[in-house]
Amino acid sequence: MTFWLAIGVLVVGSVSASLYIKTLPGKYDALAQCLSEKGVKFYGAVWCSSCKEQKRLFGNSAELLPFVECYETDQKTMNSLCMEKKIKKHPAWDFPDGSRLTGVQLPKVLAEKAGCPMPQ
């Protein structure tokens, strides 16, 4: 009985800690907000492994990225916005000057390209 109680406490504690960590400010919050304010767009798909890697690089700040989902709910049909933008590879980063970077980008590269300060 004590064994199962200890296991239960560990599981609840682990889940609670994980949820708490996700609510902490991210290292790249200011950068993600700057990218959004500058009009940068991050086109991708929820099923895209490279997009997941891109978000992983931003850690807790990923939720603040200017992410645009390119696929309908069936996850097979590209939506009209991404078709108009001619998105062919994910992730795709579009900048207000009309330029585009594709593939996973380091936060530093995105900061320099957008003219955003890089967090210390």
PDB file of N, CA and C in Angstrom:
ATOM      1  N   MET A   1       0.825  -1.193   0.000  1.00  0.00           N
ATOM      2  CA  MET A   1       0.000   0.000   0.000  1.00  0.00           C
ATOM      3  C   MET A   1       0.872   1.262   0.000  1.00  0.00           C
ATOM      4  N   THR A   2       1.891   1.296   0.845  1.00  0.00           N
ATOM      5  CA  THR A   2       2.791   2.442   0.908  1.00  0.00           C
ATOM      6  C   THR A   2       3.520   2.627  -0.415  1.00  0.00           C
ATOM      7  N   PHE A   3       3.892   1.523  -1.038  1.00  0.00           N
ATOM      8  CA  PHE A   3       4.577   1.573  -2.336  1.00  0.00           C
ATOM      9  C   PHE A   3       3.706   2.285  -3.372  1.00  0.00           C
ATOM     10  N   TRP A   4       2.444   1.913  -3.469  1.00  0.00           N
ATOM     11  CA  TRP A   4       1.547   2.504  -4.475  1.00  0.00           C
ATOM     12  C   TRP A   4       1.246   3.963  -4.151  1.00  0.00           C
ATOM     13  N   LEU A   5       1.181   4.286  -2.889  1.00  0.00           N
ATOM     14  CA  LEU A   5       0.982   5.675  -2.484  1.00  0.00           C
ATOM     15  C   LEU A   5       2.194   6.511  -2.907  1.00  0.00           C
ATOM     16  N   ALA A   6       3.386   5.987  -2.694  1.00  0.00           N
ATOM     17  CA  ALA A   6       4.611   6.687  -3.101  1.00  0.00           C
ATOM     18  C   ALA A   6       4.655   6.878  -4.615  1.00  0.00           C
ATOM     19  N   ILE A   7       4.272   5.836  -5.356  1.00  0.00           N
ATOM     20  CA  ILE A   7       4.230   5.936  -6.828  1.00  0.00           C
ATOM     21  C   ILE A   7       3.239   7.018  -7.244  1.00  0.00           C
ATOM     22  N   GLY A   8       2.070   7.020  -6.611  1.00  0.00           N
ATOM     23  CA  GLY A   8       1.044   8.029  -6.925  1.00  0.00           C
ATOM     24  C   GLY A   8       1.542   9.439  -6.661  1.00  0.00           C
ATOM     25  N   VAL A   9       2.207   9.637  -5.556  1.00  0.00           N
ATOM     26  CA  VAL A   9       2.748  10.961  -5.215  1.00  0.00           C
ATOM     27  C   VAL A   9       3.802  11.378  -6.242  1.00  0.00           C
ATOM     28  N   LEU A  10       4.658  10.462  -6.638  1.00  0.00           N
ATOM     29  CA  LEU A  10       5.679  10.776  -7.651  1.00  0.00           C
ATOM     30  C   LEU A  10       5.056  11.163  -8.983  1.00  0.00           C
ATOM     31  N   VAL A  11       4.030  10.428  -9.403  1.00  0.00           N
ATOM     32  CA  VAL A  11       3.371  10.721 -10.682  1.00  0.00           C
ATOM     33  C   VAL A  11       2.705  12.092 -10.635  1.00  0.00           C
ATOM     34  N   VAL A  12       1.937  12.347  -9.586  1.00  0.00           N
ATOM     35  CA  VAL A  12       1.265  13.638  -9.453  1.00  0.00           C
ATOM     36  C   VAL A  12       2.291  14.767  -9.377  1.00  0.00           C
ATOM     37  N   GLY A  13       3.355  14.558  -8.628  1.00  0.00           N
ATOM     38  CA  GLY A  13       4.402  15.572  -8.523  1.00  0.00           C
ATOM     39  C   GLY A  13       5.073  15.859  -9.851  1.00  0.00           C
ATOM     40  N   SER A  14       5.351  14.822 -10.618  1.00  0.00           N
ATOM     41  CA  SER A  14       5.992  14.982 -11.923  1.00  0.00           C
ATOM     42  C   SER A  14       5.104  15.746 -12.890  1.00  0.00           C
ATOM     43  N   VAL A  15       3.830  15.387 -12.916  1.00  0.00           N
ATOM     44  CA  VAL A  15       2.884  16.064 -13.808  1.00  0.00           C
ATOM     45  C   VAL A  15       2.751  17.528 -13.397  1.00  0.00           C
ATOM     46  N   SER A  16       2.635  17.783 -12.105  1.00  0.00           N
ATOM     47  CA  SER A  16       2.510  19.159 -11.611  1.00  0.00           C
ATOM     48  C   SER A  16       3.740  19.982 -11.960  1.00  0.00           C
ATOM     49  N   ALA A  17       4.914  19.420 -11.774  1.00  0.00           N
ATOM     50  CA  ALA A  17       6.157  20.124 -12.095  1.00  0.00           C
ATOM     51  C   ALA A  17       6.233  20.428 -13.581  1.00  0.00           C
ATOM     52  N   SER A  18       5.843  19.480 -14.411  1.00  0.00           N
ATOM     53  CA  SER A  18       5.869  19.666 -15.860  1.00  0.00           C
ATOM     54  C   SER A  18       4.932  20.798 -16.274  1.00  0.00           C
ATOM     55  N   LEU A  19       3.735  20.815 -15.715  1.00  0.00           N
ATOM     56  CA  LEU A  19       2.776  21.880 -16.036  1.00  0.00           C
ATOM     57  C   LEU A  19       3.274  23.232 -15.554  1.00  0.00           C
ATOM     58  N   TYR A  20       3.888  23.267 -14.376  1.00  0.00           N
ATOM     59  CA  TYR A  20       4.419  24.512 -13.839  1.00  0.00           C
ATOM     60  C   TYR A  20       5.541  25.058 -14.727  1.00  0.00           C
ATOM     61  N   ILE A  21       6.441  24.210 -15.140  1.00  0.00           N
ATOM     62  CA  ILE A  21       7.568  24.627 -15.981  1.00  0.00           C
ATOM     63  C   ILE A  21       7.073  25.240 -17.285  1.00  0.00           C
ATOM     64  N   LYS A  22       5.994  24.693 -17.851  1.00  0.00           N
ATOM     65  CA  LYS A  22       5.460  25.214 -19.111  1.00  0.00           C
ATOM     66  C   LYS A  22       4.855  26.602 -18.950  1.00  0.00           C
ATOM     67  N   THR A  23       4.531  27.025 -17.713  1.00  0.00           N
ATOM     68  CA  THR A  23       3.947  28.345 -17.499  1.00  0.00           C
ATOM     69  C   THR A  23       5.007  29.415 -17.258  1.00  0.00           C
ATOM     70  N   LEU A  24       6.252  29.013 -17.063  1.00  0.00           N
ATOM     71  CA  LEU A  24       7.324  29.972 -16.817  1.00  0.00           C
ATOM     72  C   LEU A  24       7.643  30.751 -18.089  1.00  0.00           C
ATOM     73  N   PRO A  25       8.056  32.013 -17.945  1.00  0.00           N
ATOM     74  CA  PRO A  25       8.453  32.769 -19.134  1.00  0.00           C
ATOM     75  C   PRO A  25       9.613  32.070 -19.837  1.00  0.00           C
ATOM     76  N   GLY A  26       9.629  32.154 -21.147  1.00  0.00           N
ATOM     77  CA  GLY A  26      10.677  31.534 -21.927  1.00  0.00           C
ATOM     78  C   GLY A  26      11.833  32.478 -22.172  1.00  0.00           C
ATOM     79  N   LYS A  27      12.971  31.921 -22.455  1.00  0.00           N
ATOM     80  CA  LYS A  27      14.178  32.692 -22.733  1.00  0.00           C
ATOM     81  C   LYS A  27      13.988  33.611 -23.943  1.00  0.00           C
ATOM     82  N   TYR A  28      13.170  33.155 -24.903  1.00  0.00           N
ATOM     83  CA  TYR A  28      13.009  33.896 -26.150  1.00  0.00           C
ATOM     84  C   TYR A  28      11.666  34.609 -26.270  1.00  0.00           C
ATOM     85  N   ASP A  29      11.003  34.891 -25.143  1.00  0.00           N
ATOM     86  CA  ASP A  29       9.704  35.578 -25.196  1.00  0.00           C
ATOM     87  C   ASP A  29       9.804  36.899 -25.960  1.00  0.00           C
ATOM     88  N   ALA A  30      10.779  37.720 -25.604  1.00  0.00           N
ATOM     89  CA  ALA A  30      10.912  39.034 -26.244  1.00  0.00           C
ATOM     90  C   ALA A  30      11.204  38.885 -27.739  1.00  0.00           C
ATOM     91  N   LEU A  31      12.018  37.912 -28.102  1.00  0.00           N
ATOM     92  CA  LEU A  31      12.321  37.688 -29.523  1.00  0.00           C
ATOM     93  C   LEU A  31      11.073  37.242 -30.271  1.00  0.00           C
ATOM     94  N   ALA A  32      10.335  36.295 -29.717  1.00  0.00           N
ATOM     95  CA  ALA A  32       9.115  35.816 -30.380  1.00  0.00           C
ATOM     96  C   ALA A  32       8.110  36.956 -30.546  1.00  0.00           C
ATOM     97  N   GLN A  33       7.981  37.800 -29.539  1.00  0.00           N
ATOM     98  CA  GLN A  33       7.070  38.939 -29.631  1.00  0.00           C
ATOM     99  C   GLN A  33       7.551  39.943 -30.666  1.00  0.00           C
ATOM    100  N   CYS A  34       8.860  40.170 -30.713  1.00  0.00           N
ATOM    101  CA  CYS A  34       9.422  41.096 -31.700  1.00  0.00           C
ATOM    102  C   CYS A  34       9.174  40.585 -33.123  1.00  0.00           C
ATOM    103  N   LEU A  35       9.396  39.295 -33.341  1.00  0.00           N
ATOM    104  CA  LEU A  35       9.145  38.723 -34.670  1.00  0.00           C
ATOM    105  C   LEU A  35       7.706  38.975 -35.092  1.00  0.00           C
ATOM    106  N   SER A  36       6.797  38.755 -34.168  1.00  0.00           N
ATOM    107  CA  SER A  36       5.373  38.966 -34.446  1.00  0.00           C
ATOM    108  C   SER A  36       5.085  40.438 -34.735  1.00  0.00           C
ATOM    109  N   GLU A  37       5.625  41.317 -33.911  1.00  0.00           N
ATOM    110  CA  GLU A  37       5.408  42.758 -34.092  1.00  0.00           C
ATOM    111  C   GLU A  37       5.982  43.262 -35.405  1.00  0.00           C
ATOM    112  N   LYS A  38       7.071  42.665 -35.864  1.00  0.00           N
ATOM    113  CA  LYS A  38       7.703  43.076 -37.120  1.00  0.00           C
ATOM    114  C   LYS A  38       6.978  42.517 -38.345  1.00  0.00           C
ATOM    115  N   GLY A  39       5.986  41.642 -38.125  1.00  0.00           N
ATOM    116  CA  GLY A  39       5.226  41.093 -39.242  1.00  0.00           C
ATOM    117  C   GLY A  39       5.801  39.826 -39.840  1.00  0.00           C
ATOM    118  N   VAL A  40       6.732  39.197 -39.133  1.00  0.00           N
ATOM    119  CA  VAL A  40       7.310  37.932 -39.588  1.00  0.00           C
ATOM    120  C   VAL A  40       6.257  36.840 -39.398  1.00  0.00           C
ATOM    121  N   LYS A  41       6.195  35.887 -40.319  1.00  0.00           N
ATOM    122  CA  LYS A  41       5.259  34.758 -40.218  1.00  0.00           C
ATOM    123  C   LYS A  41       6.031  33.445 -40.297  1.00  0.00           C
ATOM    124  N   PHE A  42       5.617  32.506 -39.470  1.00  0.00           N
ATOM    125  CA  PHE A  42       6.205  31.161 -39.404  1.00  0.00           C
ATOM    126  C   PHE A  42       5.138  30.192 -39.897  1.00  0.00           C
ATOM    127  N   TYR A  43       5.289  29.721 -41.150  1.00  0.00           N
ATOM    128  CA  TYR A  43       4.321  28.798 -41.755  1.00  0.00           C
ATOM    129  C   TYR A  43       4.768  27.364 -41.535  1.00  0.00           C
ATOM    130  N   GLY A  44       3.820  26.531 -41.131  1.00  0.00           N
ATOM    131  CA  GLY A  44       4.153  25.136 -40.886  1.00  0.00           C
ATOM    132  C   GLY A  44       2.921  24.279 -40.714  1.00  0.00           C
ATOM    133  N   ALA A  45       3.127  23.114 -40.138  1.00  0.00           N
ATOM    134  CA  ALA A  45       2.045  22.158 -39.918  1.00  0.00           C
ATOM    135  C   ALA A  45       2.272  21.467 -38.580  1.00  0.00           C
ATOM    136  N   VAL A  46       1.182  21.136 -37.908  1.00  0.00           N
ATOM    137  CA  VAL A  46       1.308  20.486 -36.603  1.00  0.00           C
ATOM    138  C   VAL A  46       2.007  19.137 -36.707  1.00  0.00           C
ATOM    139  N   TRP A  47       1.912  18.475 -37.848  1.00  0.00           N
ATOM    140  CA  TRP A  47       2.524  17.152 -38.016  1.00  0.00           C
ATOM    141  C   TRP A  47       3.976  17.219 -38.498  1.00  0.00           C
ATOM    142  N   CYS A  48       4.464  18.392 -38.790  1.00  0.00           N
ATOM    143  CA  CYS A  48       5.806  18.586 -39.363  1.00  0.00           C
ATOM    144  C   CYS A  48       6.885  18.449 -38.290  1.00  0.00           C
ATOM    145  N   SER A  49       7.780  17.465 -38.460  1.00  0.00           N
ATOM    146  CA  SER A  49       8.837  17.243 -37.464  1.00  0.00           C
ATOM    147  C   SER A  49       9.825  18.410 -37.418  1.00  0.00           C
ATOM    148  N   SER A  50      10.109  19.034 -38.545  1.00  0.00           N
ATOM    149  CA  SER A  50      11.010  20.189 -38.549  1.00  0.00           C
ATOM    150  C   SER A  50      10.366  21.385 -37.844  1.00  0.00           C
ATOM    151  N   CYS A  51       9.056  21.531 -37.981  1.00  0.00           N
ATOM    152  CA  CYS A  51       8.345  22.612 -37.276  1.00  0.00           C
ATOM    153  C   CYS A  51       8.385  22.370 -35.771  1.00  0.00           C
ATOM    154  N   LYS A  52       8.250  21.122 -35.377  1.00  0.00           N
ATOM    155  CA  LYS A  52       8.342  20.772 -33.952  1.00  0.00           C
ATOM    156  C   LYS A  52       9.741  21.087 -33.431  1.00  0.00           C
ATOM    157  N   GLU A  53      10.752  20.799 -34.231  1.00  0.00           N
ATOM    158  CA  GLU A  53      12.127  21.110 -33.843  1.00  0.00           C
ATOM    159  C   GLU A  53      12.315  22.619 -33.736  1.00  0.00           C
ATOM    160  N   GLN A  54      11.738  23.373 -34.685  1.00  0.00           N
ATOM    161  CA  GLN A  54      11.836  24.832 -34.644  1.00  0.00           C
ATOM    162  C   GLN A  54      11.227  25.355 -33.343  1.00  0.00           C
ATOM    163  N   LYS A  55      10.049  24.845 -32.997  1.00  0.00           N
ATOM    164  CA  LYS A  55       9.396  25.270 -31.757  1.00  0.00           C
ATOM    165  C   LYS A  55      10.214  24.846 -30.537  1.00  0.00           C
ATOM    166  N   ARG A  56      10.832  23.674 -30.580  1.00  0.00           N
ATOM    167  CA  ARG A  56      11.643  23.197 -29.469  1.00  0.00           C
ATOM    168  C   ARG A  56      12.804  24.152 -29.194  1.00  0.00           C
ATOM    169  N   LEU A  57      13.385  24.727 -30.250  1.00  0.00           N
ATOM    170  CA  LEU A  57      14.482  25.681 -30.080  1.00  0.00           C
ATOM    171  C   LEU A  57      14.044  26.928 -29.309  1.00  0.00           C
ATOM    172  N   PHE A  58      12.761  27.251 -29.377  1.00  0.00           N
ATOM    173  CA  PHE A  58      12.221  28.412 -28.676  1.00  0.00           C
ATOM    174  C   PHE A  58      11.680  28.056 -27.295  1.00  0.00           C
ATOM    175  N   GLY A  59      11.655  26.770 -26.952  1.00  0.00           N
ATOM    176  CA  GLY A  59      11.222  26.345 -25.624  1.00  0.00           C
ATOM    177  C   GLY A  59       9.854  26.881 -25.253  1.00  0.00           C
ATOM    178  N   ASN A  60       9.743  27.404 -24.028  1.00  0.00           N
ATOM    179  CA  ASN A  60       8.469  27.936 -23.542  1.00  0.00           C
ATOM    180  C   ASN A  60       7.998  29.139 -24.345  1.00  0.00           C
ATOM    181  N   SER A  61       8.863  29.745 -25.116  1.00  0.00           N
ATOM    182  CA  SER A  61       8.499  30.907 -25.929  1.00  0.00           C
ATOM    183  C   SER A  61       7.817  30.518 -27.239  1.00  0.00           C
ATOM    184  N   ALA A  62       7.781  29.247 -27.573  1.00  0.00           N
ATOM    185  CA  ALA A  62       7.214  28.793 -28.845  1.00  0.00           C
ATOM    186  C   ALA A  62       5.761  29.223 -29.029  1.00  0.00           C
ATOM    187  N   GLU A  63       5.022  29.278 -27.931  1.00  0.00           N
ATOM    188  CA  GLU A  63       3.614  29.664 -28.032  1.00  0.00           C
ATOM    189  C   GLU A  63       3.438  31.105 -28.491  1.00  0.00           C
ATOM    190  N   LEU A  64       4.478  31.922 -28.375  1.00  0.00           N
ATOM    191  CA  LEU A  64       4.405  33.323 -28.779  1.00  0.00           C
ATOM    192  C   LEU A  64       4.835  33.543 -30.232  1.00  0.00           C
ATOM    193  N   LEU A  65       5.345  32.503 -30.866  1.00  0.00           N
ATOM    194  CA  LEU A  65       5.784  32.646 -32.261  1.00  0.00           C
ATOM    195  C   LEU A  65       4.597  32.930 -33.174  1.00  0.00           C
ATOM    196  N   PRO A  66       4.830  33.683 -34.247  1.00  0.00           N
ATOM    197  CA  PRO A  66       3.752  34.016 -35.190  1.00  0.00           C
ATOM    198  C   PRO A  66       3.467  32.844 -36.147  1.00  0.00           C
ATOM    199  N   PHE A  67       3.031  31.719 -35.565  1.00  0.00           N
ATOM    200  CA  PHE A  67       2.830  30.468 -36.307  1.00  0.00           C
ATOM    201  C   PHE A  67       1.530  30.497 -37.102  1.00  0.00           C
ATOM    202  N   VAL A  68       1.626  30.065 -38.360  1.00  0.00           N
ATOM    203  CA  VAL A  68       0.457  29.937 -39.235  1.00  0.00           C
ATOM    204  C   VAL A  68       0.352  28.476 -39.661  1.00  0.00           C
ATOM    205  N   GLU A  69      -0.730  27.825 -39.263  1.00  0.00           N
ATOM    206  CA  GLU A  69      -0.981  26.428 -39.649  1.00  0.00           C
ATOM    207  C   GLU A  69      -1.378  26.409 -41.125  1.00  0.00           C
ATOM    208  N   CYS A  70      -0.709  25.573 -41.906  1.00  0.00           N
ATOM    209  CA  CYS A  70      -0.924  25.530 -43.351  1.00  0.00           C
ATOM    210  C   CYS A  70      -1.908  24.456 -43.815  1.00  0.00           C
ATOM    211  N   TYR A  71      -2.409  23.658 -42.915  1.00  0.00           N
ATOM    212  CA  TYR A  71      -3.269  22.552 -43.353  1.00  0.00           C
ATOM    213  C   TYR A  71      -4.624  22.580 -42.683  1.00  0.00           C
ATOM    214  N   GLU A  72      -5.605  22.131 -43.430  1.00  0.00           N
ATOM    215  CA  GLU A  72      -6.967  22.012 -42.905  1.00  0.00           C
ATOM    216  C   GLU A  72      -6.981  20.942 -41.820  1.00  0.00           C
ATOM    217  N   THR A  73      -8.115  20.778 -41.182  1.00  0.00           N
ATOM    218  CA  THR A  73      -8.209  19.817 -40.076  1.00  0.00           C
ATOM    219  C   THR A  73      -7.917  18.389 -40.497  1.00  0.00           C
ATOM    220  N   ASP A  74      -8.065  18.063 -41.786  1.00  0.00           N
ATOM    221  CA  ASP A  74      -7.745  16.703 -42.237  1.00  0.00           C
ATOM    222  C   ASP A  74      -6.236  16.462 -42.309  1.00  0.00           C
ATOM    223  N   GLN A  75      -5.441  17.533 -42.148  1.00  0.00           N
ATOM    224  CA  GLN A  75      -3.978  17.500 -42.169  1.00  0.00           C
ATOM    225  C   GLN A  75      -3.392  17.025 -43.507  1.00  0.00           C
ATOM    226  N   LYS A  76      -4.211  17.002 -44.546  1.00  0.00           N
ATOM    227  CA  LYS A  76      -3.741  16.595 -45.875  1.00  0.00           C
ATOM    228  C   LYS A  76      -3.914  17.707 -46.894  1.00  0.00           C
ATOM    229  N   THR A  77      -4.869  18.579 -46.660  1.00  0.00           N
ATOM    230  CA  THR A  77      -5.207  19.621 -47.613  1.00  0.00           C
ATOM    231  C   THR A  77      -4.613  20.950 -47.175  1.00  0.00           C
ATOM    232  N   MET A  78      -3.735  21.517 -48.010  1.00  0.00           N
ATOM    233  CA  MET A  78      -3.151  22.816 -47.689  1.00  0.00           C
ATOM    234  C   MET A  78      -4.230  23.893 -47.799  1.00  0.00           C
ATOM    235  N   ASN A  79      -4.232  24.811 -46.847  1.00  0.00           N
ATOM    236  CA  ASN A  79      -5.236  25.875 -46.877  1.00  0.00           C
ATOM    237  C   ASN A  79      -4.893  26.915 -47.942  1.00  0.00           C
ATOM    238  N   SER A  80      -5.871  27.753 -48.249  1.00  0.00           N
ATOM    239  CA  SER A  80      -5.716  28.707 -49.353  1.00  0.00           C
ATOM    240  C   SER A  80      -4.632  29.746 -49.074  1.00  0.00           C
ATOM    241  N   LEU A  81      -4.486  30.178 -47.826  1.00  0.00           N
ATOM    242  CA  LEU A  81      -3.461  31.167 -47.511  1.00  0.00           C
ATOM    243  C   LEU A  81      -2.068  30.648 -47.848  1.00  0.00           C
ATOM    244  N   CYS A  82      -1.771  29.425 -47.415  1.00  0.00           N
ATOM    245  CA  CYS A  82      -0.446  28.866 -47.682  1.00  0.00           C
ATOM    246  C   CYS A  82      -0.247  28.546 -49.163  1.00  0.00           C
ATOM    247  N   MET A  83      -1.334  28.212 -49.856  1.00  0.00           N
ATOM    248  CA  MET A  83      -1.227  28.013 -51.310  1.00  0.00           C
ATOM    249  C   MET A  83      -0.913  29.334 -51.991  1.00  0.00           C
ATOM    250  N   GLU A  84      -1.592  30.416 -51.578  1.00  0.00           N
ATOM    251  CA  GLU A  84      -1.329  31.747 -52.133  1.00  0.00           C
ATOM    252  C   GLU A  84       0.118  32.173 -51.873  1.00  0.00           C
ATOM    253  N   LYS A  85       0.616  31.862 -50.701  1.00  0.00           N
ATOM    254  CA  LYS A  85       1.985  32.220 -50.331  1.00  0.00           C
ATOM    255  C   LYS A  85       3.024  31.281 -50.949  1.00  0.00           C
ATOM    256  N   LYS A  86       2.552  30.250 -51.636  1.00  0.00           N
ATOM    257  CA  LYS A  86       3.419  29.260 -52.291  1.00  0.00           C
ATOM    258  C   LYS A  86       4.393  28.610 -51.305  1.00  0.00           C
ATOM    259  N   ILE A  87       3.834  28.181 -50.173  1.00  0.00           N
ATOM    260  CA  ILE A  87       4.626  27.489 -49.159  1.00  0.00           C
ATOM    261  C   ILE A  87       4.855  26.064 -49.658  1.00  0.00           C
ATOM    262  N   LYS A  88       6.104  25.700 -49.860  1.00  0.00           N
ATOM    263  CA  LYS A  88       6.431  24.372 -50.373  1.00  0.00           C
ATOM    264  C   LYS A  88       7.235  23.542 -49.385  1.00  0.00           C
ATOM    265  N   LYS A  89       7.864  24.208 -48.416  1.00  0.00           N
ATOM    266  CA  LYS A  89       8.689  23.521 -47.426  1.00  0.00           C
ATOM    267  C   LYS A  89       8.392  24.111 -46.052  1.00  0.00           C
ATOM    268  N   HIS A  90       8.433  23.242 -45.051  1.00  0.00           N
ATOM    269  CA  HIS A  90       8.171  23.679 -43.673  1.00  0.00           C
ATOM    270  C   HIS A  90       9.406  23.442 -42.827  1.00  0.00           C
ATOM    271  N   PRO A  91       9.682  24.287 -41.885  1.00  0.00           N
ATOM    272  CA  PRO A  91       9.037  25.580 -41.678  1.00  0.00           C
ATOM    273  C   PRO A  91       9.475  26.594 -42.733  1.00  0.00           C
ATOM    274  N   ALA A  92       8.606  27.562 -42.952  1.00  0.00           N
ATOM    275  CA  ALA A  92       8.908  28.674 -43.850  1.00  0.00           C
ATOM    276  C   ALA A  92       8.720  29.958 -43.046  1.00  0.00           C
ATOM    277  N   TRP A  93       9.712  30.809 -43.087  1.00  0.00           N
ATOM    278  CA  TRP A  93       9.681  32.087 -42.377  1.00  0.00           C
ATOM    279  C   TRP A  93       9.604  33.207 -43.406  1.00  0.00           C
ATOM    280  N   ASP A  94       8.504  33.941 -43.431  1.00  0.00           N
ATOM    281  CA  ASP A  94       8.345  35.070 -44.343  1.00  0.00           C
ATOM    282  C   ASP A  94       8.575  36.375 -43.592  1.00  0.00           C
ATOM    283  N   PHE A  95       9.301  37.279 -44.246  1.00  0.00           N
ATOM    284  CA  PHE A  95       9.641  38.568 -43.657  1.00  0.00           C
ATOM    285  C   PHE A  95       8.962  39.683 -44.435  1.00  0.00           C
ATOM    286  N   PRO A  96       8.701  40.815 -43.781  1.00  0.00           N
ATOM    287  CA  PRO A  96       7.991  41.914 -44.439  1.00  0.00           C
ATOM    288  C   PRO A  96       8.652  42.437 -45.713  1.00  0.00           C
ATOM    289  N   ASP A  97       9.968  42.228 -45.858  1.00  0.00           N
ATOM    290  CA  ASP A  97      10.653  42.698 -47.075  1.00  0.00           C
ATOM    291  C   ASP A  97      10.422  41.758 -48.258  1.00  0.00           C
ATOM    292  N   GLY A  98       9.611  40.698 -48.052  1.00  0.00           N
ATOM    293  CA  GLY A  98       9.308  39.754 -49.128  1.00  0.00           C
ATOM    294  C   GLY A  98      10.243  38.560 -49.179  1.00  0.00           C
ATOM    295  N   SER A  99      11.248  38.532 -48.338  1.00  0.00           N
ATOM    296  CA  SER A  99      12.184  37.406 -48.341  1.00  0.00           C
ATOM    297  C   SER A  99      11.644  36.251 -47.510  1.00  0.00           C
ATOM    298  N   ARG A 100      12.237  35.099 -47.733  1.00  0.00           N
ATOM    299  CA  ARG A 100      11.807  33.888 -47.036  1.00  0.00           C
ATOM    300  C   ARG A 100      13.014  33.036 -46.684  1.00  0.00           C
ATOM    301  N   LEU A 101      12.980  32.457 -45.488  1.00  0.00           N
ATOM    302  CA  LEU A 101      13.935  31.434 -45.066  1.00  0.00           C
ATOM    303  C   LEU A 101      13.149  30.147 -44.870  1.00  0.00           C
ATOM    304  N   THR A 102      13.696  29.026 -45.336  1.00  0.00           N
ATOM    305  CA  THR A 102      13.013  27.748 -45.124  1.00  0.00           C
ATOM    306  C   THR A 102      13.909  26.817 -44.318  1.00  0.00           C
ATOM    307  N   GLY A 103      13.265  25.890 -43.659  1.00  0.00           N
ATOM    308  CA  GLY A 103      13.981  24.964 -42.808  1.00  0.00           C
ATOM    309  C   GLY A 103      14.115  25.524 -41.400  1.00  0.00           C
ATOM    310  N   VAL A 104      14.630  24.714 -40.508  1.00  0.00           N
ATOM    311  CA  VAL A 104      14.807  25.110 -39.118  1.00  0.00           C
ATOM    312  C   VAL A 104      15.870  26.211 -39.032  1.00  0.00           C
ATOM    313  N   GLN A 105      15.526  27.289 -38.343  1.00  0.00           N
ATOM    314  CA  GLN A 105      16.434  28.436 -38.210  1.00  0.00           C
ATOM    315  C   GLN A 105      16.787  28.642 -36.742  1.00  0.00           C
ATOM    316  N   LEU A 106      18.016  28.979 -36.475  1.00  0.00           N
ATOM    317  CA  LEU A 106      18.422  29.326 -35.117  1.00  0.00           C
ATOM    318  C   LEU A 106      17.775  30.656 -34.725  1.00  0.00           C
ATOM    319  N   PRO A 107      17.391  30.801 -33.464  1.00  0.00           N
ATOM    320  CA  PRO A 107      16.818  32.077 -33.029  1.00  0.00           C
ATOM    321  C   PRO A 107      17.688  33.273 -33.394  1.00  0.00           C
ATOM    322  N   LYS A 108      19.003  33.115 -33.298  1.00  0.00           N
ATOM    323  CA  LYS A 108      19.925  34.209 -33.630  1.00  0.00           C
ATOM    324  C   LYS A 108      19.765  34.655 -35.080  1.00  0.00           C
ATOM    325  N   VAL A 109      19.616  33.701 -35.992  1.00  0.00           N
ATOM    326  CA  VAL A 109      19.448  34.019 -37.414  1.00  0.00           C
ATOM    327  C   VAL A 109      18.154  34.792 -37.633  1.00  0.00           C
ATOM    328  N   LEU A 110      17.076  34.350 -36.990  1.00  0.00           N
ATOM    329  CA  LEU A 110      15.787  35.032 -37.131  1.00  0.00           C
ATOM    330  C   LEU A 110      15.849  36.437 -36.546  1.00  0.00           C
ATOM    331  N   ALA A 111      16.526  36.578 -35.415  1.00  0.00           N
ATOM    332  CA  ALA A 111      16.664  37.894 -34.786  1.00  0.00           C
ATOM    333  C   ALA A 111      17.400  38.857 -35.714  1.00  0.00           C
ATOM    334  N   GLU A 112      18.509  38.413 -36.265  1.00  0.00           N
ATOM    335  CA  GLU A 112      19.301  39.266 -37.161  1.00  0.00           C
ATOM    336  C   GLU A 112      18.504  39.637 -38.407  1.00  0.00           C
ATOM    337  N   LYS A 113      17.837  38.672 -39.005  1.00  0.00           N
ATOM    338  CA  LYS A 113      17.070  38.898 -40.239  1.00  0.00           C
ATOM    339  C   LYS A 113      15.934  39.883 -40.012  1.00  0.00           C
ATOM    340  N   ALA A 114      15.272  39.776 -38.843  1.00  0.00           N
ATOM    341  CA  ALA A 114      14.119  40.633 -38.561  1.00  0.00           C
ATOM    342  C   ALA A 114      14.506  41.963 -37.911  1.00  0.00           C
ATOM    343  N   GLY A 115      15.770  42.085 -37.485  1.00  0.00           N
ATOM    344  CA  GLY A 115      16.182  43.296 -36.786  1.00  0.00           C
ATOM    345  C   GLY A 115      15.683  43.339 -35.359  1.00  0.00           C
ATOM    346  N   CYS A 116      15.592  42.184 -34.726  1.00  0.00           N
ATOM    347  CA  CYS A 116      15.153  42.080 -33.331  1.00  0.00           C
ATOM    348  C   CYS A 116      16.364  41.858 -32.433  1.00  0.00           C
ATOM    349  N   PRO A 117      16.320  42.385 -31.215  1.00  0.00           N
ATOM    350  CA  PRO A 117      17.436  42.122 -30.287  1.00  0.00           C
ATOM    351  C   PRO A 117      17.443  40.661 -29.848  1.00  0.00           C
ATOM    352  N   MET A 118      18.610  40.143 -29.695  1.00  0.00           N
ATOM    353  CA  MET A 118      18.781  38.762 -29.234  1.00  0.00           C
ATOM    354  C   MET A 118      18.874  38.763 -27.714  1.00  0.00           C
ATOM    355  N   PRO A 119      18.088  37.918 -27.043  1.00  0.00           N
ATOM    356  CA  PRO A 119      18.162  37.862 -25.578  1.00  0.00           C
ATOM    357  C   PRO A 119      19.563  37.458 -25.107  1.00  0.00           C
ATOM    358  N   GLN A 120      19.940  37.969 -23.960  1.00  0.00           N
ATOM    359  CA  GLN A 120      21.248  37.656 -23.384  1.00  0.00           C
ATOM    360  C   GLN A 120      21.216  36.356 -22.637  1.00  0.00           C
TER     361      GLN A 120
END
